[in-house]
Amino acid sequence: MLDKLTPRERTIAVLVSSGLTNKQISHQLITERRTVDNHVSSIYRKFELRREDGCCRVRLAIQVREEILWQATAREANSFPRK
């Protein structure tokens, strides 16, 4: 799913999943809060999350962390020597 995101959206998705607010993300990335808001909205659309659910950030965090864990596990499995 992360492959659907632009590099900047991936960065923001990871920061959202770490619990930062849009305001905190904008300060960290030295960008306007509105820019972060737009990226987050785009991420929600791509992950098919609806703001009405009220749990978008939590669901996004779970999906991002699961995918990062899956990618790390796949890399680790590929690093073992094969017989």
PDB file of N, CA and C in Angstrom:
ATOM      1  N   MET A   1       0.809  -1.187   0.000  1.00  0.00           N
ATOM      2  CA  MET A   1       0.000   0.000   0.000  1.00  0.00           C
ATOM      3  C   MET A   1       0.863   1.267   0.000  1.00  0.00           C
ATOM      4  N   LEU A   2       1.991   1.212   0.712  1.00  0.00           N
ATOM      5  CA  LEU A   2       2.871   2.381   0.746  1.00  0.00           C
ATOM      6  C   LEU A   2       3.404   2.728  -0.632  1.00  0.00           C
ATOM      7  N   ASP A   3       3.460   1.744  -1.518  1.00  0.00           N
ATOM      8  CA  ASP A   3       3.970   2.009  -2.864  1.00  0.00           C
ATOM      9  C   ASP A   3       3.037   2.917  -3.663  1.00  0.00           C
ATOM     10  N   LYS A   4       1.806   3.111  -3.207  1.00  0.00           N
ATOM     11  CA  LYS A   4       0.869   4.019  -3.870  1.00  0.00           C
ATOM     12  C   LYS A   4       1.152   5.480  -3.515  1.00  0.00           C
ATOM     13  N   LEU A   5       1.957   5.683  -2.473  1.00  0.00           N
ATOM     14  CA  LEU A   5       2.215   7.035  -1.986  1.00  0.00           C
ATOM     15  C   LEU A   5       3.459   7.642  -2.621  1.00  0.00           C
ATOM     16  N   THR A   6       3.452   8.957  -2.723  1.00  0.00           N
ATOM     17  CA  THR A   6       4.649   9.666  -3.165  1.00  0.00           C
ATOM     18  C   THR A   6       5.674   9.592  -2.025  1.00  0.00           C
ATOM     19  N   PRO A   7       6.939   9.868  -2.309  1.00  0.00           N
ATOM     20  CA  PRO A   7       7.932   9.860  -1.227  1.00  0.00           C
ATOM     21  C   PRO A   7       7.555  10.788  -0.069  1.00  0.00           C
ATOM     22  N   ARG A   8       7.038  11.974  -0.353  1.00  0.00           N
ATOM     23  CA  ARG A   8       6.656  12.913   0.700  1.00  0.00           C
ATOM     24  C   ARG A   8       5.464  12.367   1.496  1.00  0.00           C
ATOM     25  N   GLU A   9       4.499  11.760   0.796  1.00  0.00           N
ATOM     26  CA  GLU A   9       3.354  11.166   1.486  1.00  0.00           C
ATOM     27  C   GLU A   9       3.803  10.020   2.394  1.00  0.00           C
ATOM     28  N   ARG A  10       4.775   9.229   1.923  1.00  0.00           N
ATOM     29  CA  ARG A  10       5.299   8.139   2.766  1.00  0.00           C
ATOM     30  C   ARG A  10       5.908   8.702   4.047  1.00  0.00           C
ATOM     31  N   THR A  11       6.695   9.759   3.905  1.00  0.00           N
ATOM     32  CA  THR A  11       7.300  10.396   5.079  1.00  0.00           C
ATOM     33  C   THR A  11       6.223  10.855   6.047  1.00  0.00           C
ATOM     34  N   ILE A  12       5.209  11.516   5.532  1.00  0.00           N
ATOM     35  CA  ILE A  12       4.138  12.033   6.372  1.00  0.00           C
ATOM     36  C   ILE A  12       3.331  10.892   6.982  1.00  0.00           C
ATOM     37  N   ALA A  13       3.077   9.839   6.223  1.00  0.00           N
ATOM     38  CA  ALA A  13       2.336   8.685   6.756  1.00  0.00           C
ATOM     39  C   ALA A  13       3.077   8.065   7.938  1.00  0.00           C
ATOM     40  N   VAL A  14       4.396   7.960   7.832  1.00  0.00           N
ATOM     41  CA  VAL A  14       5.187   7.405   8.932  1.00  0.00           C
ATOM     42  C   VAL A  14       5.128   8.335  10.142  1.00  0.00           C
ATOM     43  N   LEU A  15       5.197   9.640   9.916  1.00  0.00           N
ATOM     44  CA  LEU A  15       5.116  10.589  11.029  1.00  0.00           C
ATOM     45  C   LEU A  15       3.734  10.563  11.681  1.00  0.00           C
ATOM     46  N   VAL A  16       2.683  10.455  10.872  1.00  0.00           N
ATOM     47  CA  VAL A  16       1.328  10.314  11.421  1.00  0.00           C
ATOM     48  C   VAL A  16       1.247   9.047  12.252  1.00  0.00           C
ATOM     49  N   SER A  17       1.809   7.966  11.735  1.00  0.00           N
ATOM     50  CA  SER A  17       1.733   6.683  12.446  1.00  0.00           C
ATOM     51  C   SER A  17       2.533   6.700  13.744  1.00  0.00           C
ATOM     52  N   SER A  18       3.465   7.643  13.870  1.00  0.00           N
ATOM     53  CA  SER A  18       4.224   7.753  15.121  1.00  0.00           C
ATOM     54  C   SER A  18       3.492   8.612  16.145  1.00  0.00           C
ATOM     55  N   GLY A  19       2.340   9.160  15.749  1.00  0.00           N
ATOM     56  CA  GLY A  19       1.510   9.903  16.695  1.00  0.00           C
ATOM     57  C   GLY A  19       1.597  11.407  16.610  1.00  0.00           C
ATOM     58  N   LEU A  20       2.350  11.937  15.652  1.00  0.00           N
ATOM     59  CA  LEU A  20       2.469  13.387  15.530  1.00  0.00           C
ATOM     60  C   LEU A  20       1.205  13.995  14.926  1.00  0.00           C
ATOM     61  N   THR A  21       0.875  15.200  15.353  1.00  0.00           N
ATOM     62  CA  THR A  21      -0.237  15.937  14.761  1.00  0.00           C
ATOM     63  C   THR A  21       0.246  16.582  13.457  1.00  0.00           C
ATOM     64  N   ASN A  22      -0.707  17.061  12.657  1.00  0.00           N
ATOM     65  CA  ASN A  22      -0.324  17.742  11.419  1.00  0.00           C
ATOM     66  C   ASN A  22       0.531  18.975  11.719  1.00  0.00           C
ATOM     67  N   LYS A  23       0.198  19.679  12.786  1.00  0.00           N
ATOM     68  CA  LYS A  23       0.974  20.864  13.160  1.00  0.00           C
ATOM     69  C   LYS A  23       2.412  20.474  13.508  1.00  0.00           C
ATOM     70  N   GLN A  24       2.584  19.413  14.280  1.00  0.00           N
ATOM     71  CA  GLN A  24       3.928  18.953  14.644  1.00  0.00           C
ATOM     72  C   GLN A  24       4.701  18.496  13.410  1.00  0.00           C
ATOM     73  N   ILE A  25       4.011  17.826  12.498  1.00  0.00           N
ATOM     74  CA  ILE A  25       4.655  17.368  11.259  1.00  0.00           C
ATOM     75  C   ILE A  25       5.109  18.572  10.440  1.00  0.00           C
ATOM     76  N   SER A  26       4.268  19.587  10.343  1.00  0.00           N
ATOM     77  CA  SER A  26       4.637  20.772   9.550  1.00  0.00           C
ATOM     78  C   SER A  26       5.867  21.459  10.134  1.00  0.00           C
ATOM     79  N   HIS A  27       5.965  21.502  11.455  1.00  0.00           N
ATOM     80  CA  HIS A  27       7.160  22.091  12.079  1.00  0.00           C
ATOM     81  C   HIS A  27       8.396  21.241  11.806  1.00  0.00           C
ATOM     82  N   GLN A  28       8.236  19.933  11.917  1.00  0.00           N
ATOM     83  CA  GLN A  28       9.383  19.038  11.711  1.00  0.00           C
ATOM     84  C   GLN A  28       9.878  19.089  10.276  1.00  0.00           C
ATOM     85  N   LEU A  29       8.954  19.166   9.313  1.00  0.00           N
ATOM     86  CA  LEU A  29       9.334  19.162   7.897  1.00  0.00           C
ATOM     87  C   LEU A  29       9.550  20.571   7.349  1.00  0.00           C
ATOM     88  N   ILE A  30       9.353  21.563   8.201  1.00  0.00           N
ATOM     89  CA  ILE A  30       9.512  22.970   7.810  1.00  0.00           C
ATOM     90  C   ILE A  30       8.668  23.261   6.565  1.00  0.00           C
ATOM     91  N   THR A  31       7.369  23.055   6.728  1.00  0.00           N
ATOM     92  CA  THR A  31       6.421  23.316   5.655  1.00  0.00           C
ATOM     93  C   THR A  31       5.133  23.860   6.262  1.00  0.00           C
ATOM     94  N   GLU A  32       4.262  24.357   5.426  1.00  0.00           N
ATOM     95  CA  GLU A  32       2.991  24.896   5.904  1.00  0.00           C
ATOM     96  C   GLU A  32       2.082  23.783   6.406  1.00  0.00           C
ATOM     97  N   ARG A  33       1.313  24.093   7.428  1.00  0.00           N
ATOM     98  CA  ARG A  33       0.370  23.114   7.972  1.00  0.00           C
ATOM     99  C   ARG A  33      -0.635  22.695   6.898  1.00  0.00           C
ATOM    100  N   ARG A  34      -1.076  23.622   6.090  1.00  0.00           N
ATOM    101  CA  ARG A  34      -2.057  23.322   5.028  1.00  0.00           C
ATOM    102  C   ARG A  34      -1.483  22.295   4.047  1.00  0.00           C
ATOM    103  N   THR A  35      -0.203  22.370   3.770  1.00  0.00           N
ATOM    104  CA  THR A  35       0.447  21.397   2.884  1.00  0.00           C
ATOM    105  C   THR A  35       0.374  20.004   3.499  1.00  0.00           C
ATOM    106  N   VAL A  36       0.652  19.924   4.786  1.00  0.00           N
ATOM    107  CA  VAL A  36       0.557  18.633   5.480  1.00  0.00           C
ATOM    108  C   VAL A  36      -0.888  18.151   5.467  1.00  0.00           C
ATOM    109  N   ASP A  37      -1.840  19.049   5.731  1.00  0.00           N
ATOM    110  CA  ASP A  37      -3.261  18.681   5.692  1.00  0.00           C
ATOM    111  C   ASP A  37      -3.628  18.072   4.339  1.00  0.00           C
ATOM    112  N   ASN A  38      -3.147  18.691   3.268  1.00  0.00           N
ATOM    113  CA  ASN A  38      -3.436  18.189   1.920  1.00  0.00           C
ATOM    114  C   ASN A  38      -2.821  16.810   1.693  1.00  0.00           C
ATOM    115  N   HIS A  39      -1.592  16.631   2.134  1.00  0.00           N
ATOM    116  CA  HIS A  39      -0.943  15.321   1.995  1.00  0.00           C
ATOM    117  C   HIS A  39      -1.695  14.253   2.788  1.00  0.00           C
ATOM    118  N   VAL A  40      -2.094  14.587   4.013  1.00  0.00           N
ATOM    119  CA  VAL A  40      -2.819  13.626   4.849  1.00  0.00           C
ATOM    120  C   VAL A  40      -4.148  13.254   4.187  1.00  0.00           C
ATOM    121  N   SER A  41      -4.847  14.233   3.631  1.00  0.00           N
ATOM    122  CA  SER A  41      -6.103  13.942   2.924  1.00  0.00           C
ATOM    123  C   SER A  41      -5.862  13.004   1.750  1.00  0.00           C
ATOM    124  N   SER A  42      -4.797  13.244   1.019  1.00  0.00           N
ATOM    125  CA  SER A  42      -4.446  12.387  -0.114  1.00  0.00           C
ATOM    126  C   SER A  42      -4.123  10.966   0.350  1.00  0.00           C
ATOM    127  N   ILE A  43      -3.403  10.860   1.457  1.00  0.00           N
ATOM    128  CA  ILE A  43      -3.058   9.548   2.024  1.00  0.00           C
ATOM    129  C   ILE A  43      -4.322   8.812   2.419  1.00  0.00           C
ATOM    130  N   TYR A  44      -5.243   9.505   3.093  1.00  0.00           N
ATOM    131  CA  TYR A  44      -6.507   8.876   3.488  1.00  0.00           C
ATOM    132  C   TYR A  44      -7.251   8.339   2.267  1.00  0.00           C
ATOM    133  N   ARG A  45      -7.296   9.138   1.203  1.00  0.00           N
ATOM    134  CA  ARG A  45      -7.982   8.679  -0.024  1.00  0.00           C
ATOM    135  C   ARG A  45      -7.321   7.418  -0.573  1.00  0.00           C
ATOM    136  N   LYS A  46      -6.006   7.421  -0.640  1.00  0.00           N
ATOM    137  CA  LYS A  46      -5.286   6.280  -1.209  1.00  0.00           C
ATOM    138  C   LYS A  46      -5.424   5.029  -0.348  1.00  0.00           C
ATOM    139  N   PHE A  47      -5.564   5.205   0.962  1.00  0.00           N
ATOM    140  CA  PHE A  47      -5.761   4.070   1.872  1.00  0.00           C
ATOM    141  C   PHE A  47      -7.246   3.763   2.074  1.00  0.00           C
ATOM    142  N   GLU A  48      -8.090   4.529   1.371  1.00  0.00           N
ATOM    143  CA  GLU A  48      -9.546   4.366   1.443  1.00  0.00           C
ATOM    144  C   GLU A  48     -10.065   4.503   2.873  1.00  0.00           C
ATOM    145  N   LEU A  49      -9.555   5.516   3.571  1.00  0.00           N
ATOM    146  CA  LEU A  49     -10.002   5.832   4.924  1.00  0.00           C
ATOM    147  C   LEU A  49     -10.912   7.043   4.865  1.00  0.00           C
ATOM    148  N   ARG A  50     -11.969   7.029   5.678  1.00  0.00           N
ATOM    149  CA  ARG A  50     -12.905   8.152   5.704  1.00  0.00           C
ATOM    150  C   ARG A  50     -12.796   8.879   7.028  1.00  0.00           C
ATOM    151  N   ARG A  51     -12.722  10.191   6.951  1.00  0.00           N
ATOM    152  CA  ARG A  51     -12.607  11.005   8.167  1.00  0.00           C
ATOM    153  C   ARG A  51     -13.805  10.811   9.096  1.00  0.00           C
ATOM    154  N   GLU A  52     -14.954  10.485   8.543  1.00  0.00           N
ATOM    155  CA  GLU A  52     -16.162  10.328   9.358  1.00  0.00           C
ATOM    156  C   GLU A  52     -16.006   9.200  10.374  1.00  0.00           C
ATOM    157  N   ASP A  53     -15.132   8.248  10.064  1.00  0.00           N
ATOM    158  CA  ASP A  53     -14.929   7.122  10.979  1.00  0.00           C
ATOM    159  C   ASP A  53     -14.332   7.581  12.304  1.00  0.00           C
ATOM    160  N   GLY A  54     -13.623   8.685  12.302  1.00  0.00           N
ATOM    161  CA  GLY A  54     -13.023   9.202  13.517  1.00  0.00           C
ATOM    162  C   GLY A  54     -11.754   8.481  13.956  1.00  0.00           C
ATOM    163  N   CYS A  55     -11.423   7.414  13.287  1.00  0.00           N
ATOM    164  CA  CYS A  55     -10.247   6.623  13.665  1.00  0.00           C
ATOM    165  C   CYS A  55      -9.231   6.561  12.540  1.00  0.00           C
ATOM    166  N   CYS A  56      -9.275   7.498  11.625  1.00  0.00           N
ATOM    167  CA  CYS A  56      -8.391   7.458  10.454  1.00  0.00           C
ATOM    168  C   CYS A  56      -6.926   7.363  10.839  1.00  0.00           C
ATOM    169  N   ARG A  57      -6.501   8.191  11.770  1.00  0.00           N
ATOM    170  CA  ARG A  57      -5.083   8.221  12.129  1.00  0.00           C
ATOM    171  C   ARG A  57      -4.658   6.892  12.747  1.00  0.00           C
ATOM    172  N   VAL A  58      -5.520   6.307  13.549  1.00  0.00           N
ATOM    173  CA  VAL A  58      -5.193   5.020  14.163  1.00  0.00           C
ATOM    174  C   VAL A  58      -5.140   3.930  13.096  1.00  0.00           C
ATOM    175  N   ARG A  59      -6.114   3.902  12.213  1.00  0.00           N
ATOM    176  CA  ARG A  59      -6.125   2.897  11.143  1.00  0.00           C
ATOM    177  C   ARG A  59      -4.935   3.062  10.215  1.00  0.00           C
ATOM    178  N   LEU A  60      -4.612   4.311   9.892  1.00  0.00           N
ATOM    179  CA  LEU A  60      -3.446   4.569   9.048  1.00  0.00           C
ATOM    180  C   LEU A  60      -2.184   4.087   9.752  1.00  0.00           C
ATOM    181  N   ALA A  61      -2.060   4.392  11.033  1.00  0.00           N
ATOM    182  CA  ALA A  61      -0.880   3.964  11.798  1.00  0.00           C
ATOM    183  C   ALA A  61      -0.740   2.453  11.773  1.00  0.00           C
ATOM    184  N   ILE A  62      -1.840   1.755  11.964  1.00  0.00           N
ATOM    185  CA  ILE A  62      -1.799   0.289  11.957  1.00  0.00           C
ATOM    186  C   ILE A  62      -1.368  -0.221  10.591  1.00  0.00           C
ATOM    187  N   GLN A  63      -1.960   0.307   9.533  1.00  0.00           N
ATOM    188  CA  GLN A  63      -1.622  -0.158   8.181  1.00  0.00           C
ATOM    189  C   GLN A  63      -0.169   0.138   7.837  1.00  0.00           C
ATOM    190  N   VAL A  64       0.305   1.333   8.166  1.00  0.00           N
ATOM    191  CA  VAL A  64       1.688   1.708   7.854  1.00  0.00           C
ATOM    192  C   VAL A  64       2.654   0.813   8.622  1.00  0.00           C
ATOM    193  N   ARG A  65       2.406   0.637   9.907  1.00  0.00           N
ATOM    194  CA  ARG A  65       3.308  -0.179  10.724  1.00  0.00           C
ATOM    195  C   ARG A  65       3.289  -1.643  10.286  1.00  0.00           C
ATOM    196  N   GLU A  66       2.120  -2.168   9.933  1.00  0.00           N
ATOM    197  CA  GLU A  66       2.049  -3.548   9.444  1.00  0.00           C
ATOM    198  C   GLU A  66       2.854  -3.709   8.161  1.00  0.00           C
ATOM    199  N   GLU A  67       2.728  -2.744   7.263  1.00  0.00           N
ATOM    200  CA  GLU A  67       3.454  -2.838   6.003  1.00  0.00           C
ATOM    201  C   GLU A  67       4.957  -2.713   6.214  1.00  0.00           C
ATOM    202  N   ILE A  68       5.377  -1.810   7.076  1.00  0.00           N
ATOM    203  CA  ILE A  68       6.806  -1.660   7.361  1.00  0.00           C
ATOM    204  C   ILE A  68       7.342  -2.948   7.975  1.00  0.00           C
ATOM    205  N   LEU A  69       6.597  -3.535   8.904  1.00  0.00           N
ATOM    206  CA  LEU A  69       7.001  -4.795   9.519  1.00  0.00           C
ATOM    207  C   LEU A  69       7.075  -5.909   8.482  1.00  0.00           C
ATOM    208  N   TRP A  70       6.083  -5.966   7.604  1.00  0.00           N
ATOM    209  CA  TRP A  70       6.068  -6.992   6.558  1.00  0.00           C
ATOM    210  C   TRP A  70       7.280  -6.834   5.642  1.00  0.00           C
ATOM    211  N   GLN A  71       7.592  -5.595   5.240  1.00  0.00           N
ATOM    212  CA  GLN A  71       8.738  -5.353   4.367  1.00  0.00           C
ATOM    213  C   GLN A  71      10.043  -5.748   5.057  1.00  0.00           C
ATOM    214  N   ALA A  72      10.164  -5.419   6.337  1.00  0.00           N
ATOM    215  CA  ALA A  72      11.378  -5.775   7.078  1.00  0.00           C
ATOM    216  C   ALA A  72      11.515  -7.286   7.196  1.00  0.00           C
ATOM    217  N   THR A  73      10.411  -7.974   7.432  1.00  0.00           N
ATOM    218  CA  THR A  73      10.428  -9.433   7.537  1.00  0.00           C
ATOM    219  C   THR A  73      10.812 -10.056   6.203  1.00  0.00           C
ATOM    220  N   ALA A  74      10.284  -9.521   5.120  1.00  0.00           N
ATOM    221  CA  ALA A  74      10.606 -10.037   3.790  1.00  0.00           C
ATOM    222  C   ALA A  74      12.085  -9.828   3.474  1.00  0.00           C
ATOM    223  N   ARG A  75      12.621  -8.653   3.824  1.00  0.00           N
ATOM    224  CA  ARG A  75      14.052  -8.387   3.594  1.00  0.00           C
ATOM    225  C   ARG A  75      14.905  -9.347   4.408  1.00  0.00           C
ATOM    226  N   GLU A  76      14.509  -9.563   5.657  1.00  0.00           N
ATOM    227  CA  GLU A  76      15.276 -10.454   6.521  1.00  0.00           C
ATOM    228  C   GLU A  76      15.244 -11.877   5.989  1.00  0.00           C
ATOM    229  N   ALA A  77      14.097 -12.328   5.529  1.00  0.00           N
ATOM    230  CA  ALA A  77      13.970 -13.684   4.990  1.00  0.00           C
ATOM    231  C   ALA A  77      14.840 -13.843   3.741  1.00  0.00           C
ATOM    232  N   ASN A  78      14.952 -12.798   2.950  1.00  0.00           N
ATOM    233  CA  ASN A  78      15.765 -12.851   1.726  1.00  0.00           C
ATOM    234  C   ASN A  78      17.263 -12.763   2.022  1.00  0.00           C
ATOM    235  N   SER A  79      17.625 -12.354   3.243  1.00  0.00           N
ATOM    236  CA  SER A  79      19.048 -12.209   3.557  1.00  0.00           C
ATOM    237  C   SER A  79      19.681 -13.489   4.027  1.00  0.00           C
ATOM    238  N   PHE A  80      18.870 -14.501   4.358  1.00  0.00           N
ATOM    239  CA  PHE A  80      19.428 -15.791   4.803  1.00  0.00           C
ATOM    240  C   PHE A  80      19.995 -16.540   3.616  1.00  0.00           C
ATOM    241  N   PRO A  81      21.145 -17.184   3.795  1.00  0.00           N
ATOM    242  CA  PRO A  81      21.719 -17.965   2.700  1.00  0.00           C
ATOM    243  C   PRO A  81      20.818 -19.146   2.359  1.00  0.00           C
ATOM    244  N   ARG A  82      20.710 -19.419   1.104  1.00  0.00           N
ATOM    245  CA  ARG A  82      19.880 -20.549   0.652  1.00  0.00           C
ATOM    246  C   ARG A  82      20.757 -21.765   0.437  1.00  0.00           C
ATOM    247  N   LYS A  83      20.191 -22.919   0.703  1.00  0.00           N
ATOM    248  CA  LYS A  83      20.941 -24.183   0.549  1.00  0.00           C
ATOM    249  C   LYS A  83      20.818 -24.711  -0.857  1.00  0.00           C
TER     250      LYS A  83
END
